[in-house]
């Protein structure tokens, strides 16, 4: 069935209540597969964290209207309020987020990595059609579990940080951008760091022949394969690093986004840049300066809240990197294996079009003898879906659907712990999703000051991760938003500018962690800046100036 022209599409609320567009995580329309798998897993994970932290809503829900992501808050039954009030008290009394961090570090993350590796060890191209169908089911079930896992640890990632922002902001009068700067250096994964990358760099530094090959190769895919096949330390290190990052999505969450190994030139240049950059640690530590602004009576509390925020900061990105971003990449790998054989049989125009099939459609195609098999979309239909995704972005979708939401409860009417929980989570979520509302000038864009520093360089406007191979070292990336998976590319960039997202968006976190000037939430950078323009990015002022 043909898609109606975009101008004729009707955007109606997908259910009762107020629905808000989420262009931070989903700047483009998503695939049919994603629409099928994500909402239930998302709701399950958010209901878990809301209940565990005594938050005053039942769950968060996600629905997709013409492929665009809309989110709503599911109200909590009034009869459940007393139990949520009690739970909020327990969370603060027990510092429950610490228990979740221990669970994450000791049990959940290792188990997830082990599961990823077991699935990754299977070569989907070597499977029969029947076995590949079973493997697709295995990858899909794993993906759904990892999506719920990502969301289950959301409150652990935001409550202690929001609590610190609320109290420290009141004591010091400093904006959130200044306070979040104190988090720098506490989340190595946000700067792409890993034991495997450190070992690869160390091995390369001791291997002149490998270094020469890394620097001189014009065929990135062949260079990566050659480095991986080397005997000894360098080959083992390269293999271990690629096994860790190769099948993660390079950006985004949907299986429409490429894995790192699909863009070997980008991956190889990122390794070169990481080798040249050395450690990302450092930068001025302003803790003492900020602490001096805190009234003496609150300085001990400031120290405690800062310690909790720093302790929990890494899980903000880790829960995605080690959960669904890897699982989504594995599902994509399995789907593309099916796509290649289906394209050979004339059932697809392009192997990549398989990612625009729903899950049951993938299975139907894999079992189809002819293009007209029941339940199997035609090659033309899948090509049309791919073209639709590529032609539109979230700028075109209404920012909200449904009636205006009721105001949140007055914190003064709540028990102290519930009010504190509401303030902490609210501040953190605002810092995640809230873009700037500052007015622009002809040659000056204003956004949020995400990461301090000033940098001048050429704009590299990127609308999709598949275009990351256009990035050259020293470019200013201008894009709608990025996810935590983007971190391995940070060494290539001189600055980051985004349309969407706030000070706790992934773009802001990775820029801050790597010490790259960043301005986020400009709303219009991708529409007002042109590829190749020279700009000055002032990450402390939150300004982007077009240079003559």
Protein backbone atom coordinates (compact mmCIF):
# COMPACT_ATOMS: atom_id res chain seq x y z
CA UNK A 1 0.00 0.00 0.00
CA UNK A 2 1.40 3.38 -0.99
CA UNK A 3 2.11 6.02 1.63
CA UNK A 4 -0.06 9.15 1.31
CA UNK A 5 1.81 12.39 0.52
CA UNK A 6 3.24 13.84 3.70
CA UNK A 7 1.16 17.00 3.38
CA UNK A 8 -2.00 14.89 3.52
CA UNK A 9 -1.08 12.91 6.64
CA UNK A 10 -3.28 13.48 9.67
CA UNK A 11 -1.49 13.65 13.02
CA UNK A 12 -4.01 12.46 15.61
CA UNK A 13 -3.22 11.61 19.23
CA UNK A 14 -2.51 7.86 19.47
CA UNK A 15 -4.50 7.57 22.70
CA UNK A 16 -6.02 9.52 25.54
CA UNK A 17 -4.16 12.41 27.11
CA UNK A 18 -1.32 14.69 26.09
CA UNK A 19 1.44 13.34 23.85
CA UNK A 20 4.73 15.17 23.38
CA UNK A 21 7.10 14.71 20.45
CA UNK A 22 10.50 13.23 21.35
CA UNK A 23 12.91 14.63 18.73
CA UNK A 24 15.90 14.19 21.07
CA UNK A 25 16.01 10.40 20.86
CA UNK A 26 14.16 10.07 17.55
CA UNK A 27 14.92 12.96 15.18
CA UNK A 28 13.68 10.97 12.18
CA UNK A 29 10.78 8.58 11.49
CA UNK A 30 11.43 5.07 12.76
CA UNK A 31 11.05 1.67 11.14
CA UNK A 32 7.99 -0.57 11.35
CA UNK A 33 10.06 -3.09 13.33
CA UNK A 34 10.87 -0.40 15.92
CA UNK A 35 7.25 0.69 16.19
CA UNK A 36 6.34 -2.91 16.98
CA UNK A 37 9.03 -3.70 19.54
CA UNK A 38 9.64 -0.46 21.40
CA UNK A 39 6.37 0.69 23.05
CA UNK A 40 5.74 -2.39 25.23
CA UNK A 41 9.38 -2.70 26.34
CA UNK A 42 9.59 1.03 27.02
CA UNK A 43 6.44 1.00 29.14
CA UNK A 44 7.57 -2.05 31.09
CA UNK A 45 10.94 -0.53 31.95
CA UNK A 46 9.52 2.88 32.90
CA UNK A 47 6.82 1.32 35.08
CA UNK A 48 9.56 -0.58 36.92
CA UNK A 49 11.59 2.53 37.74
CA UNK A 50 8.54 4.66 38.61
CA UNK A 51 7.40 2.06 41.13
CA UNK A 52 10.88 1.45 42.53
CA UNK A 53 11.53 5.17 43.17
CA UNK A 54 8.10 6.24 44.37
CA UNK A 55 7.47 8.48 41.40
CA UNK A 56 3.97 9.87 41.01
CA UNK A 57 3.05 8.33 37.67
CA UNK A 58 2.27 4.82 36.53
CA UNK A 59 4.62 4.67 33.55
CA UNK A 60 5.79 6.51 30.46
CA UNK A 61 4.34 5.41 27.16
CA UNK A 62 5.68 5.78 23.66
CA UNK A 63 3.64 5.64 20.48
CA UNK A 64 4.47 6.37 16.87
CA UNK A 65 2.41 8.53 14.54
CA UNK A 66 3.53 8.19 10.92
CA UNK A 67 6.84 7.00 12.32
CA UNK A 68 7.41 9.97 14.66
CA UNK A 69 7.90 9.31 18.38
CA UNK A 70 5.39 10.68 20.86
CA UNK A 71 5.58 10.20 24.62
CA UNK A 72 3.01 10.59 27.37
CA UNK A 73 2.87 10.17 31.14
CA UNK A 74 0.38 7.55 32.32
CA UNK A 75 -1.38 8.88 35.44
CA UNK A 76 -1.12 7.06 38.74
CA UNK A 77 -4.27 5.81 40.42
CA UNK A 78 -5.03 7.88 43.52
CA UNK A 79 -5.20 4.72 45.60
CA UNK A 80 -1.51 4.10 44.84
CA UNK A 81 -0.30 7.45 46.19
CA UNK A 82 0.29 6.39 49.83
CA UNK A 83 2.52 3.53 48.71
CA UNK A 84 4.51 5.84 46.39
CA UNK A 85 4.94 8.39 49.22
CA UNK A 86 6.29 5.63 51.47
CA UNK A 87 8.62 4.36 48.76
CA UNK A 88 10.09 7.81 48.08
CA UNK A 89 11.03 8.06 51.77
CA UNK A 90 12.76 4.67 51.60
CA UNK A 91 14.67 5.58 48.44
CA UNK A 92 16.30 8.63 50.03
CA UNK A 93 16.83 6.93 53.41
CA UNK A 94 18.51 3.91 51.80
CA UNK A 95 20.19 5.72 48.89
CA UNK A 96 18.49 3.06 46.81
CA UNK A 97 20.29 4.17 43.65
CA UNK A 98 23.50 2.79 45.14
CA UNK A 99 21.89 -0.64 45.38
CA UNK A 100 20.92 -0.43 41.74
CA UNK A 101 24.44 0.65 40.77
CA UNK A 102 25.90 -2.34 42.57
CA UNK A 103 23.38 -4.62 40.86
CA UNK A 104 24.23 -3.05 37.50
CA UNK A 105 27.99 -3.34 37.91
CA UNK A 106 28.13 -6.79 39.48
CA UNK A 107 25.26 -8.64 37.80
CA UNK A 108 23.25 -6.89 35.11
CA UNK A 109 25.96 -5.37 32.92
CA UNK A 110 28.20 -8.48 32.91
CA UNK A 111 25.20 -10.68 32.09
CA UNK A 112 24.15 -8.38 29.25
CA UNK A 113 27.66 -8.33 27.77
CA UNK A 114 27.83 -12.13 27.98
CA UNK A 115 24.46 -12.45 26.22
CA UNK A 116 25.53 -10.02 23.50
CA UNK A 117 28.73 -11.97 22.91
CA UNK A 118 26.90 -15.31 22.70
CA UNK A 119 24.54 -13.97 20.05
CA UNK A 120 27.40 -12.19 18.26
CA UNK A 121 29.37 -15.44 18.05
CA UNK A 122 26.82 -16.84 15.58
CA UNK A 123 27.45 -16.13 11.91
CA UNK A 124 23.98 -15.43 10.48
CA UNK A 125 25.22 -15.77 6.90
CA UNK A 126 26.11 -19.41 7.57
CA UNK A 127 22.59 -20.35 8.73
CA UNK A 128 19.86 -22.00 6.70
CA UNK A 129 16.71 -19.97 6.11
CA UNK A 130 14.93 -21.89 8.86
CA UNK A 131 17.78 -21.43 11.34
CA UNK A 132 18.11 -17.77 10.40
CA UNK A 133 14.41 -17.30 11.20
CA UNK A 134 15.06 -18.79 14.64
CA UNK A 135 18.11 -16.58 15.07
CA UNK A 136 16.07 -13.49 14.15
CA UNK A 137 13.57 -14.45 16.86
CA UNK A 138 16.40 -14.87 19.35
CA UNK A 139 17.81 -11.45 18.45
CA UNK A 140 14.38 -9.84 18.63
CA UNK A 141 13.60 -11.29 22.08
CA UNK A 142 17.02 -10.21 23.35
CA UNK A 143 16.49 -6.74 21.91
CA UNK A 144 13.14 -6.36 23.69
CA UNK A 145 14.69 -7.43 27.00
CA UNK A 146 17.53 -4.94 26.58
CA UNK A 147 15.14 -2.09 25.74
CA UNK A 148 13.28 -2.69 29.01
CA UNK A 149 16.59 -2.98 30.87
CA UNK A 150 17.76 0.39 29.54
CA UNK A 151 14.63 2.09 30.86
CA UNK A 152 14.59 0.19 34.16
CA UNK A 153 17.74 2.04 35.27
CA UNK A 154 16.58 5.50 34.20
CA UNK A 155 15.82 6.76 37.70
CA UNK A 156 19.19 5.50 38.94
CA UNK A 157 20.74 7.66 36.24
CA UNK A 158 18.80 10.86 36.95
CA UNK A 159 17.55 11.12 40.55
CA UNK A 160 20.85 11.75 42.33
CA UNK A 161 21.96 14.16 39.59
CA UNK A 162 18.64 16.04 39.69
CA UNK A 163 18.81 16.16 43.49
CA UNK A 164 22.29 17.67 43.31
CA UNK A 165 21.16 20.25 40.72
CA UNK A 166 18.18 21.25 42.85
CA UNK A 167 20.12 21.78 46.07
CA UNK A 168 23.38 23.12 44.64
CA UNK A 169 21.49 25.48 42.37
CA UNK A 170 19.58 26.90 45.33
CA UNK A 171 22.72 27.27 47.43
CA UNK A 172 25.01 28.76 44.78
CA UNK A 173 22.70 30.46 42.30
CA UNK A 174 24.72 28.84 39.50
CA UNK A 175 23.03 27.55 36.35
CA UNK A 176 22.82 23.83 35.66
CA UNK A 177 25.49 24.08 32.95
CA UNK A 178 28.06 25.22 35.52
CA UNK A 179 27.07 22.55 38.01
CA UNK A 180 27.09 19.73 35.48
CA UNK A 181 30.62 20.71 34.55
CA UNK A 182 31.62 19.14 37.88
CA UNK A 183 30.65 15.75 36.44
CA UNK A 184 33.41 15.79 33.85
CA UNK A 185 35.78 12.84 34.10
CA UNK A 186 33.37 10.61 36.00
CA UNK A 187 31.92 8.74 32.99
CA UNK A 188 34.75 7.28 30.89
CA UNK A 189 32.35 5.36 28.65
CA UNK A 190 30.87 8.69 27.52
CA UNK A 191 34.25 9.56 26.01
CA UNK A 192 34.50 6.18 24.30
CA UNK A 193 36.96 4.82 26.85
CA UNK A 194 37.24 1.10 27.47
CA UNK A 195 39.86 -1.38 28.57
CA UNK A 196 39.84 -2.74 25.02
CA UNK A 197 40.58 0.65 23.44
CA UNK A 198 43.35 1.34 25.97
CA UNK A 199 44.94 -2.01 25.17
CA UNK A 200 44.66 -1.38 21.43
CA UNK A 201 46.36 2.01 21.73
CA UNK A 202 49.10 0.54 23.91
CA UNK A 203 49.66 -2.29 21.43
CA UNK A 204 49.76 0.05 18.44
CA UNK A 205 52.27 2.33 20.15
CA UNK A 206 54.64 -0.63 20.46
CA UNK A 207 54.11 -1.88 16.91
CA UNK A 208 55.72 0.42 14.28
CA UNK A 209 54.61 -1.77 11.37
CA UNK A 210 50.98 -1.69 12.49
CA UNK A 211 51.20 2.07 13.03
CA UNK A 212 52.49 2.54 9.50
CA UNK A 213 49.64 0.43 8.12
CA UNK A 214 47.11 2.35 10.20
CA UNK A 215 48.39 5.70 8.93
CA UNK A 216 48.88 4.90 5.26
CA UNK A 217 45.99 2.70 4.22
CA UNK A 218 43.51 3.95 1.62
CA UNK A 219 41.19 0.95 2.02
CA UNK A 220 39.81 1.21 5.52
CA UNK A 221 37.96 -2.10 5.44
CA UNK A 222 41.06 -3.95 4.32
CA UNK A 223 43.19 -2.13 6.91
CA UNK A 224 40.87 -3.12 9.74
CA UNK A 225 40.83 -6.73 8.56
CA UNK A 226 44.61 -6.75 8.23
CA UNK A 227 45.15 -5.32 11.71
CA UNK A 228 42.74 -7.83 13.18
CA UNK A 229 44.52 -10.73 11.48
CA UNK A 230 47.96 -9.83 12.84
CA UNK A 231 49.65 -12.33 15.10
CA UNK A 232 50.47 -11.21 18.61
CA UNK A 233 49.29 -8.42 20.84
CA UNK A 234 48.11 -5.95 18.18
CA UNK A 235 45.90 -8.46 16.38
CA UNK A 236 44.36 -9.67 19.64
CA UNK A 237 43.76 -6.09 20.81
CA UNK A 238 42.16 -5.08 17.51
CA UNK A 239 39.92 -8.13 17.61
CA UNK A 240 38.87 -7.46 21.19
CA UNK A 241 38.06 -3.83 20.43
CA UNK A 242 36.03 -4.65 17.34
CA UNK A 243 34.19 -7.38 19.24
CA UNK A 244 33.25 -4.73 21.81
CA UNK A 245 32.16 -1.90 19.50
CA UNK A 246 31.84 -3.31 16.00
CA UNK A 247 28.18 -4.30 16.18
CA UNK A 248 26.94 -1.46 18.32
CA UNK A 249 24.91 1.12 16.48
CA UNK A 250 27.08 4.10 15.70
CA UNK A 251 24.24 6.44 16.65
CA UNK A 252 20.52 6.24 17.30
CA UNK A 253 18.49 3.30 18.60
CA UNK A 254 16.53 1.95 15.62
CA UNK A 255 17.94 -0.83 13.44
CA UNK A 256 17.86 1.62 10.52
CA UNK A 257 21.11 3.10 11.86
CA UNK A 258 24.48 1.59 10.86
CA UNK A 259 26.84 -0.35 13.09
CA UNK A 260 30.42 0.79 13.53
CA UNK A 261 31.82 -1.92 11.24
CA UNK A 262 29.55 -0.75 8.42
CA UNK A 263 31.50 2.52 8.28
CA UNK A 264 35.09 1.26 8.41
CA UNK A 265 36.58 4.58 7.28
CA UNK A 266 34.94 6.39 10.21
CA UNK A 267 36.00 3.66 12.63
CA UNK A 268 39.59 3.66 11.42
CA UNK A 269 39.87 7.47 11.57
CA UNK A 270 38.40 7.42 15.07
CA UNK A 271 41.08 4.94 16.16
CA UNK A 272 43.78 7.14 14.65
CA UNK A 273 42.38 10.20 16.41
CA UNK A 274 42.10 8.36 19.74
CA UNK A 275 45.71 7.25 19.34
CA UNK A 276 46.79 10.86 18.76
CA UNK A 277 44.60 12.32 21.50
CA UNK A 278 45.83 10.26 24.43
CA UNK A 279 43.91 10.65 27.69
CA UNK A 280 40.73 12.69 27.75
CA UNK A 281 41.00 13.35 31.45
CA UNK A 282 41.89 16.76 32.71
CA UNK A 283 40.50 20.23 32.49
CA UNK A 284 40.12 22.68 35.31
CA UNK A 285 38.41 21.24 38.39
CA UNK A 286 36.09 23.98 39.63
CA UNK A 287 34.75 22.03 42.61
CA UNK A 288 36.45 24.22 45.21
CA UNK A 289 35.28 27.38 43.46
CA UNK A 290 31.68 26.19 43.35
CA UNK A 291 31.80 24.88 46.91
CA UNK A 292 32.99 28.25 48.15
CA UNK A 293 29.65 29.72 47.03
CA UNK A 294 27.73 27.28 49.20
CA UNK A 295 26.75 28.59 52.68
CA UNK A 296 28.95 26.97 55.29
CA UNK A 297 25.99 25.26 56.93
CA UNK A 298 25.30 23.35 53.71
CA UNK A 299 28.83 22.50 52.57
CA UNK A 300 28.85 18.98 54.03
CA UNK A 301 25.51 18.28 52.34
CA UNK A 302 26.92 19.72 49.10
CA UNK A 303 29.87 17.32 49.28
CA UNK A 304 27.56 14.37 49.87
CA UNK A 305 25.18 15.24 47.05
CA UNK A 306 28.05 15.87 44.63
CA UNK A 307 29.59 12.52 45.52
CA UNK A 308 26.30 10.73 44.85
CA UNK A 309 25.82 12.49 41.51
CA UNK A 310 29.35 11.68 40.39
CA UNK A 311 28.99 8.07 41.51
CA UNK A 312 25.83 7.56 39.45
CA UNK A 313 26.80 9.63 36.40
CA UNK A 314 28.36 6.74 34.41
CA UNK A 315 25.18 4.68 34.37
CA UNK A 316 23.51 7.46 32.38
CA UNK A 317 25.27 6.31 29.22
CA UNK A 318 26.27 2.78 30.22
CA UNK A 319 22.68 1.56 30.42
CA UNK A 320 22.29 2.26 26.69
CA UNK A 321 25.76 1.29 25.47
CA UNK A 322 25.68 -2.09 27.21
CA UNK A 323 21.95 -2.78 26.75
CA UNK A 324 19.87 -1.95 23.69
CA UNK A 325 22.41 -0.14 21.51
CA UNK A 326 24.43 -3.34 21.26
CA UNK A 327 21.31 -5.53 21.03
CA UNK A 328 19.86 -3.32 18.29
CA UNK A 329 23.08 -3.68 16.32
CA UNK A 330 22.89 -7.46 16.60
CA UNK A 331 19.29 -7.44 15.41
CA UNK A 332 20.35 -5.26 12.48
CA UNK A 333 23.18 -7.67 11.61
CA UNK A 334 20.75 -10.60 11.57
CA UNK A 335 18.20 -8.67 9.51
CA UNK A 336 20.81 -7.62 6.95
CA UNK A 337 21.91 -11.24 6.59
CA UNK A 338 18.32 -12.02 5.62
CA UNK A 339 18.23 -8.94 3.38
CA UNK A 340 21.24 -10.05 1.38
CA UNK A 341 19.81 -13.43 0.49
CA UNK A 342 16.37 -11.95 -0.21
CA UNK A 343 17.89 -9.38 -2.58
CA UNK A 344 19.68 -12.19 -4.41
CA UNK A 345 16.29 -13.88 -4.89
CA UNK A 346 14.74 -10.71 -6.27
CA UNK A 347 12.47 -10.16 -3.25
CA UNK A 348 14.15 -6.86 -2.31
CA UNK A 349 15.55 -4.07 -4.44
CA UNK A 350 18.29 -3.48 -1.88
CA UNK A 351 19.43 -5.69 1.04
CA UNK A 352 19.16 -2.72 3.40
CA UNK A 353 15.44 -2.37 2.76
CA UNK A 354 14.87 -5.35 5.07
CA UNK A 355 15.13 -3.00 8.06
CA UNK A 356 11.88 -1.38 6.96
CA UNK A 357 9.98 -4.64 7.35
CA UNK A 358 8.14 -5.52 10.52
CA UNK A 359 9.35 -8.60 12.36
CA UNK A 360 6.64 -10.96 11.08
CA UNK A 361 7.17 -9.48 7.64
CA UNK A 362 10.87 -10.39 7.84
CA UNK A 363 9.94 -13.98 8.63
CA UNK A 364 7.35 -14.03 5.86
CA UNK A 365 9.89 -12.76 3.36
CA UNK A 366 12.47 -15.29 4.49
CA UNK A 367 9.98 -18.11 3.96
CA UNK A 368 8.61 -16.72 0.70
CA UNK A 369 9.10 -18.48 -2.58
CA UNK A 370 7.58 -15.65 -4.59
CA UNK A 371 7.20 -11.87 -4.11
CA UNK A 372 3.45 -12.30 -3.65
CA UNK A 373 3.64 -14.55 -0.57
CA UNK A 374 1.05 -13.88 2.12
CA UNK A 375 2.24 -11.42 4.76
CA UNK A 376 5.34 -10.45 2.81
CA UNK A 377 5.58 -6.81 1.69
CA UNK A 378 6.66 -6.18 -1.85
CA UNK A 379 10.08 -4.87 -2.77
CA UNK A 380 8.43 -1.67 -3.98
CA UNK A 381 6.62 -1.17 -0.67
CA UNK A 382 9.78 -1.57 1.39
CA UNK A 383 11.65 0.81 -0.91
CA UNK A 384 8.86 3.33 -0.43
CA UNK A 385 9.07 3.02 3.36
CA UNK A 386 12.84 3.60 3.23
CA UNK A 387 12.38 6.64 1.03
CA UNK A 388 9.78 8.08 3.42
CA UNK A 389 12.13 7.76 6.39
CA UNK A 390 14.91 9.42 4.49
CA UNK A 391 12.78 12.32 3.29
CA UNK A 392 11.37 13.57 6.61
CA UNK A 393 12.49 14.60 10.07
CA UNK A 394 10.99 15.69 13.36
CA UNK A 395 10.94 19.37 12.39
CA UNK A 396 7.90 18.51 10.28
CA UNK A 397 5.89 16.80 13.02
CA UNK A 398 3.59 18.64 15.47
CA UNK A 399 5.35 19.20 18.83
CA UNK A 400 2.38 17.77 20.74
CA UNK A 401 -0.90 15.95 20.23
CA UNK A 402 -4.00 15.81 22.38
CA UNK A 403 -5.36 18.16 25.05
CA UNK A 404 -3.20 20.45 27.17
CA UNK A 405 -1.97 18.45 30.18
CA UNK A 406 -3.05 19.33 33.72
CA UNK A 407 -0.41 21.12 35.83
CA UNK A 408 1.81 18.91 38.00
CA UNK A 409 0.93 18.65 41.67
CA UNK A 410 2.01 21.49 43.92
CA UNK A 411 5.14 20.21 45.74
CA UNK A 412 4.05 22.01 48.90
CA UNK A 413 1.03 19.70 49.04
CA UNK A 414 3.20 16.57 49.03
CA UNK A 415 5.13 14.80 51.79
CA UNK A 416 8.77 16.01 51.91
CA UNK A 417 10.34 12.92 50.29
CA UNK A 418 7.78 12.82 47.48
CA UNK A 419 8.27 16.53 46.82
CA UNK A 420 12.04 16.08 46.77
CA UNK A 421 11.73 13.14 44.36
CA UNK A 422 9.43 15.12 42.10
CA UNK A 423 11.80 18.09 42.03
CA UNK A 424 14.89 15.94 41.38
CA UNK A 425 13.37 13.91 38.58
CA UNK A 426 11.69 16.94 37.04
CA UNK A 427 14.92 18.95 36.91
CA UNK A 428 16.83 16.05 35.40
CA UNK A 429 14.21 15.39 32.74
CA UNK A 430 14.09 19.07 31.86
CA UNK A 431 17.88 19.00 31.51
CA UNK A 432 17.51 16.00 29.20
CA UNK A 433 14.77 17.22 26.86
CA UNK A 434 14.59 21.01 27.23
CA UNK A 435 16.04 22.98 24.35
CA UNK A 436 16.90 26.66 24.45
CA UNK A 437 14.23 29.29 23.80
CA UNK A 438 16.69 32.15 23.25
CA UNK A 439 16.24 34.22 20.12
CA UNK A 440 18.74 34.02 17.28
CA UNK A 441 20.32 36.80 15.24
CA UNK A 442 21.27 36.77 11.58
CA UNK A 443 24.75 35.37 12.13
CA UNK A 444 24.39 34.16 15.72
CA UNK A 445 22.57 31.11 17.03
CA UNK A 446 21.86 30.69 20.72
CA UNK A 447 21.51 27.40 22.49
CA UNK A 448 22.43 25.82 25.81
CA UNK A 449 25.99 25.99 27.08
CA UNK A 450 26.73 22.27 27.17
CA UNK A 451 30.52 22.11 27.30
CA UNK A 452 32.91 25.04 27.81
CA UNK A 453 35.58 26.16 25.41
CA UNK A 454 35.79 28.10 22.15
CA UNK A 455 36.53 26.49 18.81
CA UNK A 456 36.51 27.75 15.23
CA UNK A 457 36.14 25.32 12.36
CA UNK A 458 34.10 24.16 9.38
CA UNK A 459 30.52 22.96 9.73
CA UNK A 460 29.84 19.34 8.93
CA UNK A 461 26.07 19.03 8.76
CA UNK A 462 24.98 15.43 9.21
CA UNK A 463 21.38 14.30 9.00
CA UNK A 464 21.90 10.57 9.52
CA UNK A 465 24.61 8.29 10.95
CA UNK A 466 25.23 6.88 7.48
CA UNK A 467 26.80 10.28 6.68
CA UNK A 468 29.38 10.06 9.47
CA UNK A 469 32.01 9.09 6.91
CA UNK A 470 31.89 12.71 5.75
CA UNK A 471 33.29 13.91 9.09
CA UNK A 472 36.89 15.09 8.96
CA UNK A 473 39.11 15.68 11.94
CA UNK A 474 38.50 19.16 13.33
CA UNK A 475 34.96 19.53 11.97
CA UNK A 476 32.11 21.09 13.93
CA UNK A 477 29.36 18.49 13.86
CA UNK A 478 25.95 20.06 13.29
CA UNK A 479 23.13 17.56 13.71
CA UNK A 480 19.70 17.20 15.22
CA UNK A 481 20.88 15.05 18.15
CA UNK A 482 23.19 12.18 18.99
CA UNK A 483 23.06 9.18 21.30
CA UNK A 484 25.62 7.68 23.65
CA UNK A 485 26.82 5.28 20.94
CA UNK A 486 28.29 8.26 19.10
CA UNK A 487 31.05 8.50 21.71
CA UNK A 488 33.67 6.58 19.72
CA UNK A 489 33.69 9.37 17.11
CA UNK A 490 34.38 12.22 19.52
CA UNK A 491 38.15 12.35 18.88
CA UNK A 492 37.42 13.51 15.32
CA UNK A 493 35.46 16.61 16.30
CA UNK A 494 36.38 20.18 17.17
CA UNK A 495 32.89 21.07 18.39
CA UNK A 496 29.28 19.86 18.56
CA UNK A 497 26.10 21.82 17.81
CA UNK A 498 22.64 20.23 17.96
CA UNK A 499 19.06 21.24 17.28
CA UNK A 500 17.58 19.20 20.10
CA UNK A 501 18.24 18.23 23.67
CA UNK A 502 19.25 19.77 26.95
CA UNK A 503 22.22 19.73 29.29
CA UNK A 504 21.78 16.06 30.15
CA UNK A 505 21.21 14.97 26.55
CA UNK A 506 23.76 12.51 25.23
CA UNK A 507 25.25 15.15 22.95
CA UNK A 508 25.96 17.38 25.94
CA UNK A 509 27.36 14.56 28.06
CA UNK A 510 29.80 13.26 25.47
CA UNK A 511 30.96 16.77 24.57
CA UNK A 512 31.53 17.59 28.23
CA UNK A 513 33.29 14.31 28.95
CA UNK A 514 35.64 14.69 26.02
CA UNK A 515 36.24 18.39 26.62
CA UNK A 516 34.88 19.47 23.22
CA UNK A 517 33.02 22.79 23.05
CA UNK A 518 29.33 22.07 22.69
CA UNK A 519 26.12 24.03 22.20
CA UNK A 520 22.90 22.01 22.28
CA UNK A 521 19.21 22.71 21.85
CA UNK A 522 19.57 25.49 19.26
CA UNK A 523 16.34 24.29 17.57
CA UNK A 524 17.46 25.45 14.10
CA UNK A 525 21.18 24.84 13.58
CA UNK A 526 20.71 22.18 10.90
CA UNK A 527 18.46 24.55 8.97
CA UNK A 528 20.47 27.74 9.38
CA UNK A 529 24.03 26.46 8.98
CA UNK A 530 25.48 25.19 5.73
CA UNK A 531 28.05 22.51 5.15
CA UNK A 532 31.54 24.01 5.01
CA UNK A 533 30.68 27.34 6.68
CA UNK A 534 33.19 28.42 9.28
CA UNK A 535 31.71 28.98 12.72
CA UNK A 536 32.86 29.84 16.22
CA UNK A 537 31.40 27.56 18.88
CA UNK A 538 31.41 29.15 22.34
CA UNK A 539 30.44 26.35 24.70
CA UNK A 540 30.40 28.54 27.79
CA UNK A 541 28.16 31.25 26.35
CA UNK A 542 26.01 28.78 24.42
CA UNK A 543 26.52 30.65 21.15
CA UNK A 544 27.42 29.71 17.59
CA UNK A 545 28.67 32.54 15.39
CA UNK A 546 28.91 32.33 11.61
CA UNK A 547 32.30 33.70 10.59
CA UNK A 548 32.90 35.79 7.46
